Amino acid sequence: MSLERRADAEVKAFEYNAKEGVRAVAFMWFLRRIAYPLFSVSLITVITAFAVNGVAAGLLCIAIFGGPALLLWGFTSRQGQKMLEYWKK
């Protein structure tokens, strides 16, 4: 009976590690391919709008790109925290 419980615990631990490993790989892919380019394009656009067209255009650009950037930041920070919690275990 003890051997079965131990085997079940090992299987559960393996499944958990596999799931978290897949999450980590998918998150790293998402950061490299989607999040970093979107963050950088948004930041460069806002800086360029301020530098070239003035304060009003810069504020309008922040208003346009601010919402999606905050949503993307919230998603990436939550997933990053989950990955850090897993790696600390």
N, C-alpha and C. Protein backbone atom coordinates (compact mmCIF):
# COMPACT_ATOMS: atom_id res chain seq x y z
N MET A 1 0.82 -1.18 0.00
CA MET A 1 0.00 0.00 0.00
C MET A 1 0.87 1.26 0.00
N SER A 2 1.92 1.25 0.77
CA SER A 2 2.81 2.40 0.85
C SER A 2 3.52 2.63 -0.49
N LEU A 3 3.84 1.55 -1.16
CA LEU A 3 4.51 1.66 -2.45
C LEU A 3 3.58 2.30 -3.49
N GLU A 4 2.30 1.98 -3.44
CA GLU A 4 1.34 2.58 -4.38
C GLU A 4 1.19 4.08 -4.11
N ARG A 5 1.11 4.45 -2.86
CA ARG A 5 1.00 5.88 -2.52
C ARG A 5 2.22 6.65 -2.98
N ARG A 6 3.38 6.05 -2.77
CA ARG A 6 4.61 6.70 -3.19
C ARG A 6 4.66 6.84 -4.71
N ALA A 7 4.23 5.79 -5.41
CA ALA A 7 4.20 5.85 -6.88
C ALA A 7 3.21 6.91 -7.34
N ASP A 8 2.05 6.99 -6.71
CA ASP A 8 1.06 8.01 -7.07
C ASP A 8 1.61 9.41 -6.83
N ALA A 9 2.31 9.60 -5.73
CA ALA A 9 2.90 10.90 -5.42
C ALA A 9 3.96 11.27 -6.45
N GLU A 10 4.74 10.30 -6.87
CA GLU A 10 5.77 10.58 -7.88
C GLU A 10 5.15 10.92 -9.22
N VAL A 11 4.06 10.23 -9.57
CA VAL A 11 3.38 10.51 -10.83
C VAL A 11 2.79 11.92 -10.79
N LYS A 12 2.17 12.30 -9.67
CA LYS A 12 1.61 13.63 -9.55
C LYS A 12 2.69 14.70 -9.63
N ALA A 13 3.82 14.44 -8.99
CA ALA A 13 4.92 15.40 -9.04
C ALA A 13 5.47 15.52 -10.46
N PHE A 14 5.57 14.40 -11.16
CA PHE A 14 6.06 14.43 -12.54
C PHE A 14 5.09 15.19 -13.43
N GLU A 15 3.79 14.96 -13.27
CA GLU A 15 2.79 15.67 -14.08
C GLU A 15 2.83 17.17 -13.81
N TYR A 16 2.98 17.54 -12.54
CA TYR A 16 3.06 18.95 -12.19
C TYR A 16 4.29 19.59 -12.81
N ASN A 17 5.43 18.92 -12.70
CA ASN A 17 6.67 19.46 -13.28
C ASN A 17 6.57 19.58 -14.79
N ALA A 18 5.95 18.60 -15.43
CA ALA A 18 5.79 18.65 -16.89
C ALA A 18 4.90 19.83 -17.28
N LYS A 19 3.80 20.02 -16.55
CA LYS A 19 2.88 21.11 -16.86
C LYS A 19 3.56 22.46 -16.67
N GLU A 20 4.29 22.61 -15.59
CA GLU A 20 4.97 23.88 -15.33
C GLU A 20 6.12 24.10 -16.32
N GLY A 21 6.77 23.03 -16.74
CA GLY A 21 7.83 23.17 -17.73
C GLY A 21 7.28 23.64 -19.06
N VAL A 22 6.14 23.10 -19.46
CA VAL A 22 5.50 23.54 -20.71
C VAL A 22 5.07 24.99 -20.58
N ARG A 23 4.54 25.35 -19.42
CA ARG A 23 4.14 26.75 -19.20
C ARG A 23 5.34 27.68 -19.33
N ALA A 24 6.47 27.28 -18.77
CA ALA A 24 7.66 28.12 -18.83
C ALA A 24 8.16 28.28 -20.25
N VAL A 25 8.19 27.19 -21.01
CA VAL A 25 8.65 27.27 -22.40
C VAL A 25 7.70 28.13 -23.23
N ALA A 26 6.40 27.94 -23.06
CA ALA A 26 5.43 28.73 -23.81
C ALA A 26 5.53 30.21 -23.44
N PHE A 27 5.74 30.49 -22.15
CA PHE A 27 5.85 31.88 -21.72
C PHE A 27 7.11 32.53 -22.28
N MET A 28 8.21 31.81 -22.29
CA MET A 28 9.45 32.38 -22.84
C MET A 28 9.30 32.64 -24.34
N TRP A 29 8.62 31.74 -25.04
CA TRP A 29 8.35 31.97 -26.47
C TRP A 29 7.49 33.21 -26.63
N PHE A 30 6.44 33.34 -25.81
CA PHE A 30 5.56 34.50 -25.89
C PHE A 30 6.32 35.79 -25.64
N LEU A 31 7.21 35.78 -24.66
CA LEU A 31 8.00 36.99 -24.38
C LEU A 31 8.88 37.36 -25.56
N ARG A 32 9.58 36.38 -26.08
CA ARG A 32 10.52 36.68 -27.17
C ARG A 32 9.83 37.09 -28.46
N ARG A 33 8.75 36.40 -28.80
CA ARG A 33 8.13 36.61 -30.11
C ARG A 33 7.03 37.66 -30.13
N ILE A 34 6.36 37.89 -29.00
CA ILE A 34 5.20 38.78 -29.01
C ILE A 34 5.36 39.95 -28.05
N ALA A 35 5.64 39.67 -26.79
CA ALA A 35 5.61 40.73 -25.79
C ALA A 35 6.73 41.76 -25.97
N TYR A 36 7.98 41.32 -26.10
CA TYR A 36 9.08 42.28 -26.24
C TYR A 36 8.93 43.16 -27.48
N PRO A 37 8.59 42.59 -28.64
CA PRO A 37 8.39 43.48 -29.80
C PRO A 37 7.25 44.48 -29.59
N LEU A 38 6.15 44.04 -28.98
CA LEU A 38 5.04 44.98 -28.76
C LEU A 38 5.42 46.07 -27.77
N PHE A 39 6.10 45.69 -26.68
CA PHE A 39 6.56 46.70 -25.72
C PHE A 39 7.51 47.69 -26.39
N SER A 40 8.45 47.19 -27.15
CA SER A 40 9.44 48.09 -27.75
C SER A 40 8.82 48.99 -28.80
N VAL A 41 7.92 48.47 -29.64
CA VAL A 41 7.27 49.31 -30.65
C VAL A 41 6.42 50.38 -29.98
N SER A 42 5.69 50.00 -28.93
CA SER A 42 4.87 50.99 -28.22
C SER A 42 5.73 52.07 -27.60
N LEU A 43 6.81 51.68 -26.96
CA LEU A 43 7.69 52.65 -26.32
C LEU A 43 8.35 53.57 -27.34
N ILE A 44 8.84 53.01 -28.42
CA ILE A 44 9.48 53.82 -29.46
C ILE A 44 8.47 54.78 -30.09
N THR A 45 7.24 54.31 -30.29
CA THR A 45 6.21 55.17 -30.86
C THR A 45 5.89 56.34 -29.95
N VAL A 46 5.77 56.09 -28.67
CA VAL A 46 5.47 57.17 -27.72
C VAL A 46 6.62 58.16 -27.66
N ILE A 47 7.83 57.67 -27.57
CA ILE A 47 9.00 58.57 -27.51
C ILE A 47 9.11 59.39 -28.78
N THR A 48 8.90 58.75 -29.93
CA THR A 48 8.97 59.46 -31.21
C THR A 48 7.87 60.51 -31.32
N ALA A 49 6.67 60.17 -30.86
CA ALA A 49 5.57 61.14 -30.91
C ALA A 49 5.89 62.37 -30.06
N PHE A 50 6.46 62.15 -28.86
CA PHE A 50 6.86 63.28 -28.03
C PHE A 50 7.96 64.10 -28.69
N ALA A 51 8.95 63.42 -29.23
CA ALA A 51 10.12 64.12 -29.77
C ALA A 51 9.80 64.87 -31.06
N VAL A 52 9.01 64.27 -31.94
CA VAL A 52 8.79 64.86 -33.26
C VAL A 52 7.59 65.79 -33.27
N ASN A 53 6.48 65.36 -32.67
CA ASN A 53 5.23 66.10 -32.83
C ASN A 53 4.80 66.89 -31.60
N GLY A 54 5.49 66.74 -30.49
CA GLY A 54 5.18 67.55 -29.33
C GLY A 54 4.42 66.80 -28.25
N VAL A 55 4.07 67.54 -27.22
CA VAL A 55 3.46 66.96 -26.03
C VAL A 55 2.06 66.43 -26.32
N ALA A 56 1.28 67.16 -27.08
CA ALA A 56 -0.10 66.72 -27.34
C ALA A 56 -0.13 65.39 -28.08
N ALA A 57 0.71 65.24 -29.07
CA ALA A 57 0.77 63.98 -29.82
C ALA A 57 1.29 62.86 -28.93
N GLY A 58 2.25 63.18 -28.07
CA GLY A 58 2.77 62.17 -27.16
C GLY A 58 1.73 61.68 -26.18
N LEU A 59 0.94 62.61 -25.64
CA LEU A 59 -0.13 62.22 -24.72
C LEU A 59 -1.22 61.41 -25.43
N LEU A 60 -1.53 61.81 -26.64
CA LEU A 60 -2.51 61.03 -27.42
C LEU A 60 -1.99 59.63 -27.71
N CYS A 61 -0.72 59.53 -28.00
CA CYS A 61 -0.10 58.22 -28.26
C CYS A 61 -0.11 57.37 -26.99
N ILE A 62 0.14 57.98 -25.85
CA ILE A 62 0.06 57.24 -24.58
C ILE A 62 -1.35 56.76 -24.34
N ALA A 63 -2.34 57.60 -24.65
CA ALA A 63 -3.73 57.21 -24.48
C ALA A 63 -4.10 56.03 -25.38
N ILE A 64 -3.55 56.00 -26.58
CA ILE A 64 -3.87 54.93 -27.52
C ILE A 64 -3.15 53.63 -27.15
N PHE A 65 -1.85 53.72 -26.86
CA PHE A 65 -1.06 52.52 -26.60
C PHE A 65 -1.02 52.13 -25.13
N GLY A 66 -1.50 52.98 -24.24
CA GLY A 66 -1.41 52.71 -22.82
C GLY A 66 -2.24 51.52 -22.36
N GLY A 67 -3.48 51.44 -22.80
CA GLY A 67 -4.36 50.35 -22.38
C GLY A 67 -3.85 48.97 -22.77
N PRO A 68 -3.57 48.75 -24.06
CA PRO A 68 -3.04 47.44 -24.45
C PRO A 68 -1.69 47.13 -23.80
N ALA A 69 -0.87 48.14 -23.60
CA ALA A 69 0.43 47.90 -22.95
C ALA A 69 0.23 47.48 -21.50
N LEU A 70 -0.73 48.09 -20.81
CA LEU A 70 -1.00 47.71 -19.42
C LEU A 70 -1.57 46.29 -19.34
N LEU A 71 -2.44 45.93 -20.26
CA LEU A 71 -2.96 44.56 -20.29
C LEU A 71 -1.85 43.55 -20.53
N LEU A 72 -0.98 43.86 -21.47
CA LEU A 72 0.14 42.97 -21.76
C LEU A 72 1.08 42.88 -20.57
N TRP A 73 1.33 44.01 -19.91
CA TRP A 73 2.19 44.02 -18.73
C TRP A 73 1.59 43.19 -17.61
N GLY A 74 0.28 43.32 -17.39
CA GLY A 74 -0.38 42.55 -16.33
C GLY A 74 -0.30 41.07 -16.59
N PHE A 75 -0.52 40.66 -17.83
CA PHE A 75 -0.45 39.24 -18.17
C PHE A 75 0.96 38.70 -17.98
N THR A 76 1.94 39.41 -18.49
CA THR A 76 3.31 38.91 -18.39
C THR A 76 3.82 38.91 -16.96
N SER A 77 3.41 39.89 -16.16
CA SER A 77 3.90 39.91 -14.78
C SER A 77 3.28 38.77 -13.96
N ARG A 78 2.00 38.45 -14.18
CA ARG A 78 1.38 37.34 -13.46
C ARG A 78 2.02 36.01 -13.84
N GLN A 79 2.24 35.82 -15.14
CA GLN A 79 2.87 34.58 -15.58
C GLN A 79 4.31 34.49 -15.09
N GLY A 80 4.99 35.61 -15.08
CA GLY A 80 6.36 35.63 -14.55
C GLY A 80 6.41 35.28 -13.07
N GLN A 81 5.44 35.77 -12.31
CA GLN A 81 5.39 35.43 -10.88
C GLN A 81 5.12 33.94 -10.68
N LYS A 82 4.25 33.36 -11.51
CA LYS A 82 3.98 31.93 -11.41
C LYS A 82 5.25 31.12 -11.70
N MET A 83 6.00 31.56 -12.72
CA MET A 83 7.24 30.85 -13.05
C MET A 83 8.26 30.98 -11.93
N LEU A 84 8.37 32.15 -11.33
CA LEU A 84 9.32 32.33 -10.23
C LEU A 84 8.95 31.48 -9.02
N GLU A 85 7.66 31.40 -8.71
CA GLU A 85 7.21 30.55 -7.60
C GLU A 85 7.56 29.09 -7.87
N TYR A 86 7.38 28.65 -9.10
CA TYR A 86 7.70 27.27 -9.44
C TYR A 86 9.21 27.01 -9.33
N TRP A 87 10.01 27.94 -9.83
CA TRP A 87 11.46 27.74 -9.80
C TRP A 87 12.02 27.82 -8.39
N LYS A 88 11.34 28.52 -7.48
CA LYS A 88 11.82 28.61 -6.10
C LYS A 88 11.57 27.32 -5.34
N LYS A 89 10.63 26.49 -5.80
CA LYS A 89 10.33 25.24 -5.11
C LYS A 89 11.44 24.22 -5.28
